Amino acid sequence: MPPIYKLVAAPHLLPGGDFKGHLETVTFIAANENETHKWWAVNVGTFEKDFTKIVSPELAQNIVSRLRQGEIVEFPNRYELAQVKGKFGGCFMD
């Protein structure tokens, strides 16, 4: 059985300019008691749709709203890495 992870999303809002406060990127951290995986994704406007792969549409909307406010969000449940790593937004691996 593959290991499962807690998933946390940490937003990065633009600090200044015409788009100050805009959700630019999100860093995702998948962790369990043995290891941590970290990657980031550019906001290409698909986070809400992408999150519905693992949560309800209502919860996906809530998560994106909270990220846009600058809040670090822990997703409910636990996930296999293959379910979440590289699956959201314009993804880039670190």
N, C-alpha and C. Protein backbone atom coordinates (compact mmCIF):
# COMPACT_ATOMS: atom_id res chain seq x y z
N MET A 1 0.85 -1.19 0.00
CA MET A 1 0.00 0.00 0.00
C MET A 1 0.89 1.25 0.00
N PRO A 2 0.65 2.18 -0.94
CA PRO A 2 1.47 3.39 -0.99
C PRO A 2 1.27 4.26 0.26
N PRO A 3 2.30 5.01 0.65
CA PRO A 3 2.14 5.89 1.81
C PRO A 3 1.13 7.00 1.53
N ILE A 4 0.53 7.50 2.59
CA ILE A 4 -0.42 8.61 2.46
C ILE A 4 0.14 9.83 3.16
N TYR A 5 -0.33 11.00 2.72
CA TYR A 5 0.23 12.27 3.16
C TYR A 5 -0.85 13.27 3.53
N LYS A 6 -0.50 14.13 4.46
CA LYS A 6 -1.28 15.33 4.74
C LYS A 6 -0.87 16.36 3.69
N LEU A 7 -1.83 17.10 3.13
CA LEU A 7 -1.53 18.09 2.10
C LEU A 7 -1.86 19.49 2.61
N VAL A 8 -0.87 20.38 2.49
CA VAL A 8 -1.03 21.78 2.89
C VAL A 8 -0.69 22.64 1.69
N ALA A 9 -1.47 23.72 1.51
CA ALA A 9 -1.22 24.69 0.43
C ALA A 9 -0.91 26.04 1.06
N ALA A 10 0.23 26.62 0.65
CA ALA A 10 0.66 27.93 1.16
C ALA A 10 0.71 28.91 0.00
N PRO A 11 -0.15 29.95 0.02
CA PRO A 11 -0.21 30.88 -1.10
C PRO A 11 0.91 31.92 -1.09
N HIS A 12 1.23 32.42 -2.26
CA HIS A 12 2.11 33.58 -2.39
C HIS A 12 1.34 34.63 -3.16
N LEU A 13 1.04 35.74 -2.48
CA LEU A 13 0.33 36.85 -3.11
C LEU A 13 1.34 37.87 -3.59
N LEU A 14 1.06 38.50 -4.73
CA LEU A 14 1.98 39.52 -5.24
C LEU A 14 2.07 40.67 -4.25
N PRO A 15 3.30 41.11 -3.93
CA PRO A 15 3.48 42.12 -2.89
C PRO A 15 3.24 43.57 -3.33
N GLY A 16 3.23 43.84 -4.63
CA GLY A 16 3.06 45.23 -5.05
C GLY A 16 2.67 45.33 -6.51
N GLY A 17 2.58 46.56 -6.98
CA GLY A 17 2.24 46.81 -8.38
C GLY A 17 0.74 46.77 -8.63
N ASP A 18 0.40 46.77 -9.90
CA ASP A 18 -1.00 46.80 -10.31
C ASP A 18 -1.79 45.58 -9.84
N PHE A 19 -1.10 44.48 -9.62
CA PHE A 19 -1.77 43.24 -9.23
C PHE A 19 -1.48 42.86 -7.78
N LYS A 20 -1.17 43.85 -6.96
CA LYS A 20 -0.88 43.61 -5.54
C LYS A 20 -2.01 42.78 -4.91
N GLY A 21 -1.62 41.74 -4.19
CA GLY A 21 -2.59 40.88 -3.52
C GLY A 21 -3.12 39.75 -4.38
N HIS A 22 -2.74 39.70 -5.67
CA HIS A 22 -3.18 38.64 -6.56
C HIS A 22 -2.48 37.34 -6.20
N LEU A 23 -3.22 36.23 -6.20
CA LEU A 23 -2.64 34.91 -5.93
C LEU A 23 -1.76 34.50 -7.11
N GLU A 24 -0.44 34.56 -6.89
CA GLU A 24 0.51 34.28 -7.96
C GLU A 24 0.86 32.80 -8.03
N THR A 25 1.30 32.24 -6.90
CA THR A 25 1.69 30.84 -6.86
C THR A 25 1.21 30.22 -5.55
N VAL A 26 1.22 28.91 -5.52
CA VAL A 26 0.91 28.16 -4.31
C VAL A 26 2.00 27.11 -4.13
N THR A 27 2.55 27.03 -2.92
CA THR A 27 3.48 25.96 -2.58
C THR A 27 2.68 24.86 -1.90
N PHE A 28 2.83 23.66 -2.39
CA PHE A 28 2.14 22.50 -1.82
C PHE A 28 3.15 21.68 -1.04
N ILE A 29 2.74 21.23 0.13
CA ILE A 29 3.59 20.42 0.99
C ILE A 29 2.80 19.16 1.36
N ALA A 30 3.31 18.01 0.95
CA ALA A 30 2.71 16.72 1.30
C ALA A 30 3.66 16.07 2.29
N ALA A 31 3.16 15.78 3.48
CA ALA A 31 4.04 15.25 4.52
C ALA A 31 3.37 14.11 5.28
N ASN A 32 4.20 13.18 5.72
CA ASN A 32 3.77 12.17 6.68
C ASN A 32 4.89 12.04 7.71
N GLU A 33 4.81 11.03 8.55
CA GLU A 33 5.80 10.92 9.63
C GLU A 33 7.21 10.58 9.13
N ASN A 34 7.33 10.13 7.87
CA ASN A 34 8.62 9.70 7.36
C ASN A 34 9.27 10.64 6.34
N GLU A 35 8.46 11.41 5.61
CA GLU A 35 9.03 12.24 4.55
C GLU A 35 8.12 13.40 4.20
N THR A 36 8.74 14.37 3.52
CA THR A 36 8.02 15.57 3.07
C THR A 36 8.36 15.82 1.61
N HIS A 37 7.33 16.13 0.84
CA HIS A 37 7.50 16.50 -0.57
C HIS A 37 6.96 17.91 -0.73
N LYS A 38 7.67 18.72 -1.52
CA LYS A 38 7.28 20.12 -1.69
C LYS A 38 7.38 20.47 -3.17
N TRP A 39 6.38 21.17 -3.68
CA TRP A 39 6.40 21.65 -5.06
C TRP A 39 5.53 22.90 -5.12
N TRP A 40 5.59 23.61 -6.22
CA TRP A 40 4.79 24.81 -6.34
C TRP A 40 4.10 24.85 -7.69
N ALA A 41 3.05 25.66 -7.75
CA ALA A 41 2.27 25.78 -8.97
C ALA A 41 1.89 27.24 -9.19
N VAL A 42 1.94 27.64 -10.45
CA VAL A 42 1.52 28.98 -10.84
C VAL A 42 0.00 29.01 -10.96
N ASN A 43 -0.59 30.11 -10.54
CA ASN A 43 -2.03 30.29 -10.69
C ASN A 43 -2.35 30.56 -12.16
N VAL A 44 -2.89 29.56 -12.83
CA VAL A 44 -3.31 29.70 -14.22
C VAL A 44 -4.84 29.70 -14.33
N GLY A 45 -5.50 29.89 -13.18
CA GLY A 45 -6.95 29.98 -13.17
C GLY A 45 -7.68 28.65 -13.07
N THR A 46 -6.96 27.57 -12.79
CA THR A 46 -7.60 26.25 -12.77
C THR A 46 -7.60 25.59 -11.39
N PHE A 47 -7.12 26.28 -10.35
CA PHE A 47 -7.04 25.64 -9.03
C PHE A 47 -8.39 25.07 -8.59
N GLU A 48 -9.45 25.85 -8.70
CA GLU A 48 -10.75 25.38 -8.22
C GLU A 48 -11.16 24.09 -8.94
N LYS A 49 -11.06 24.08 -10.26
CA LYS A 49 -11.40 22.87 -11.03
C LYS A 49 -10.46 21.72 -10.68
N ASP A 50 -9.18 22.03 -10.56
CA ASP A 50 -8.20 20.99 -10.26
C ASP A 50 -8.43 20.37 -8.88
N PHE A 51 -8.78 21.18 -7.90
CA PHE A 51 -9.00 20.68 -6.54
C PHE A 51 -10.20 19.75 -6.46
N THR A 52 -11.15 19.88 -7.41
CA THR A 52 -12.33 18.99 -7.38
C THR A 52 -11.95 17.54 -7.68
N LYS A 53 -10.72 17.28 -8.06
CA LYS A 53 -10.26 15.90 -8.22
C LYS A 53 -10.14 15.20 -6.87
N ILE A 54 -10.00 16.00 -5.78
CA ILE A 54 -9.81 15.38 -4.47
C ILE A 54 -10.78 15.88 -3.40
N VAL A 55 -11.53 16.96 -3.68
CA VAL A 55 -12.52 17.47 -2.73
C VAL A 55 -13.78 17.87 -3.51
N SER A 56 -14.86 18.13 -2.79
CA SER A 56 -16.11 18.54 -3.42
C SER A 56 -15.95 19.91 -4.09
N PRO A 57 -16.79 20.23 -5.07
CA PRO A 57 -16.72 21.55 -5.70
C PRO A 57 -16.88 22.70 -4.70
N GLU A 58 -17.76 22.52 -3.71
CA GLU A 58 -17.97 23.56 -2.70
C GLU A 58 -16.71 23.78 -1.87
N LEU A 59 -16.06 22.69 -1.49
CA LEU A 59 -14.84 22.81 -0.69
C LEU A 59 -13.70 23.37 -1.54
N ALA A 60 -13.63 22.98 -2.80
CA ALA A 60 -12.60 23.53 -3.70
C ALA A 60 -12.74 25.04 -3.80
N GLN A 61 -13.96 25.52 -3.93
CA GLN A 61 -14.22 26.96 -4.00
C GLN A 61 -13.79 27.64 -2.70
N ASN A 62 -14.09 27.03 -1.57
CA ASN A 62 -13.71 27.57 -0.27
C ASN A 62 -12.19 27.62 -0.12
N ILE A 63 -11.51 26.58 -0.53
CA ILE A 63 -10.05 26.54 -0.42
C ILE A 63 -9.42 27.64 -1.25
N VAL A 64 -9.87 27.82 -2.50
CA VAL A 64 -9.31 28.86 -3.36
C VAL A 64 -9.59 30.24 -2.78
N SER A 65 -10.77 30.44 -2.25
CA SER A 65 -11.09 31.73 -1.62
C SER A 65 -10.15 32.03 -0.46
N ARG A 66 -9.89 31.03 0.36
CA ARG A 66 -8.98 31.20 1.50
C ARG A 66 -7.55 31.44 1.04
N LEU A 67 -7.11 30.76 -0.01
CA LEU A 67 -5.77 31.00 -0.55
C LEU A 67 -5.65 32.42 -1.07
N ARG A 68 -6.69 32.91 -1.73
CA ARG A 68 -6.67 34.29 -2.25
C ARG A 68 -6.58 35.33 -1.14
N GLN A 69 -7.00 34.95 0.06
CA GLN A 69 -6.89 35.85 1.22
C GLN A 69 -5.53 35.73 1.90
N GLY A 70 -4.68 34.83 1.40
CA GLY A 70 -3.36 34.65 1.96
C GLY A 70 -3.27 33.61 3.05
N GLU A 71 -4.32 32.83 3.23
CA GLU A 71 -4.37 31.83 4.29
C GLU A 71 -3.71 30.52 3.86
N ILE A 72 -2.91 29.94 4.75
CA ILE A 72 -2.37 28.59 4.53
C ILE A 72 -3.49 27.60 4.83
N VAL A 73 -3.71 26.67 3.92
CA VAL A 73 -4.86 25.76 4.02
C VAL A 73 -4.39 24.31 4.08
N GLU A 74 -4.92 23.57 5.05
CA GLU A 74 -4.71 22.12 5.10
C GLU A 74 -5.92 21.44 4.48
N PHE A 75 -5.68 20.59 3.51
CA PHE A 75 -6.77 19.85 2.87
C PHE A 75 -7.28 18.78 3.83
N PRO A 76 -8.57 18.46 3.73
CA PRO A 76 -9.10 17.37 4.55
C PRO A 76 -8.58 16.04 4.00
N ASN A 77 -8.70 15.02 4.76
CA ASN A 77 -8.31 13.67 4.35
C ASN A 77 -6.80 13.56 4.19
N ARG A 78 -6.38 12.42 3.74
CA ARG A 78 -4.98 12.13 3.46
C ARG A 78 -4.93 11.53 2.07
N TYR A 79 -3.82 11.74 1.37
CA TYR A 79 -3.76 11.41 -0.05
C TYR A 79 -2.48 10.65 -0.38
N GLU A 80 -2.57 9.80 -1.40
CA GLU A 80 -1.37 9.22 -1.97
C GLU A 80 -0.68 10.32 -2.78
N LEU A 81 0.63 10.30 -2.83
CA LEU A 81 1.38 11.34 -3.52
C LEU A 81 0.96 11.46 -4.98
N ALA A 82 0.71 10.33 -5.62
CA ALA A 82 0.32 10.33 -7.04
C ALA A 82 -1.01 11.04 -7.28
N GLN A 83 -1.85 11.15 -6.26
CA GLN A 83 -3.13 11.85 -6.40
C GLN A 83 -2.96 13.36 -6.43
N VAL A 84 -1.87 13.87 -5.86
CA VAL A 84 -1.77 15.32 -5.67
C VAL A 84 -0.54 15.98 -6.29
N LYS A 85 0.57 15.31 -6.31
CA LYS A 85 1.82 15.96 -6.77
C LYS A 85 1.75 16.24 -8.27
N GLY A 86 1.88 17.52 -8.60
CA GLY A 86 1.86 17.93 -10.00
C GLY A 86 0.49 17.99 -10.63
N LYS A 87 -0.57 17.95 -9.83
CA LYS A 87 -1.94 17.87 -10.37
C LYS A 87 -2.70 19.19 -10.36
N PHE A 88 -2.12 20.26 -9.83
CA PHE A 88 -2.86 21.51 -9.65
C PHE A 88 -2.17 22.68 -10.33
N GLY A 89 -2.95 23.51 -11.03
CA GLY A 89 -2.43 24.73 -11.63
C GLY A 89 -1.33 24.44 -12.65
N GLY A 90 -0.52 25.47 -12.90
CA GLY A 90 0.65 25.31 -13.76
C GLY A 90 1.78 24.83 -12.88
N CYS A 91 2.01 23.54 -12.82
CA CYS A 91 2.87 22.94 -11.80
C CYS A 91 4.35 22.96 -12.16
N PHE A 92 5.16 23.22 -11.14
CA PHE A 92 6.62 23.17 -11.26
C PHE A 92 7.15 22.40 -10.05
N MET A 93 8.07 21.51 -10.29
CA MET A 93 8.64 20.72 -9.21
C MET A 93 9.89 21.40 -8.68
N ASP A 94 10.10 21.34 -7.38
CA ASP A 94 11.32 21.87 -6.77
C ASP A 94 12.32 20.75 -6.59
